[in-house]
Amino acid sequence: MVDKRNRRKGFRFVPFILFFAGVCLHSQGGDLRFKQVIMEQGSRLGAVACILQDRRGFMWFGTEDGLYRYDGYDVLPFRHDVDDPATISSDSISCLLEDGNGILWIGTKGGGLESFDPGTLVFMHYRHNRDDISSLSQDDVSALCEDSKGILWVGTHGGGLNRFDRETGRFIRYSRVNG
């Protein structure tokens, strides 16, 4: 049973929290303006799964309908084209990461992992191959992280964790089975 005195003590802080929240919100200024980004043929960005601002200042948006780069004026879409293997492998983007070298890493749902060089606009594809244990463990990528040593870690939905060896282009898989 909760002591009524302890419950009242907790409520003493509520006015202070509300006061400071009001001060913080007021200090942000009342002139916040939002601009709706409209793309080609008047379409809009749909459900955004992830957002990244890269070292050049570009904003990247991962959606269920592709990857988009916004430079403050224009939106450049990157979408999968079945007739062009140089395009991104899937339009369903789940996560984004810019590594220490300025390479953009893109996790997709069903399309594996992509690396993208913003300077050359070239995609590299990394997919699961059931006959190759050094390939990505699963094509549904759910998380990306670069550690302090520059190692790229790739989390997958259902395939565990992968460590990417940039020199060989191979993955080391970590799962519950192999620890």
Foldseek 3Di string as FASTA:
>chain_A
DDDPVVVVVVVVCVVVVVVVVVVVVVVVDPPDDDDFAAAPPRHGADDFQEWDQFPVRWIWTQAQQAIWTDPPPHIDGFADDPVDPFGQQHSAWHYWDQFPVRWIWTQGAQQAIWIARPVVRTIDGFADDVVDQFGPQHRHWHDWDQDPVRWIWTQHDPRGIWIADVVVRTIDGDDPVND
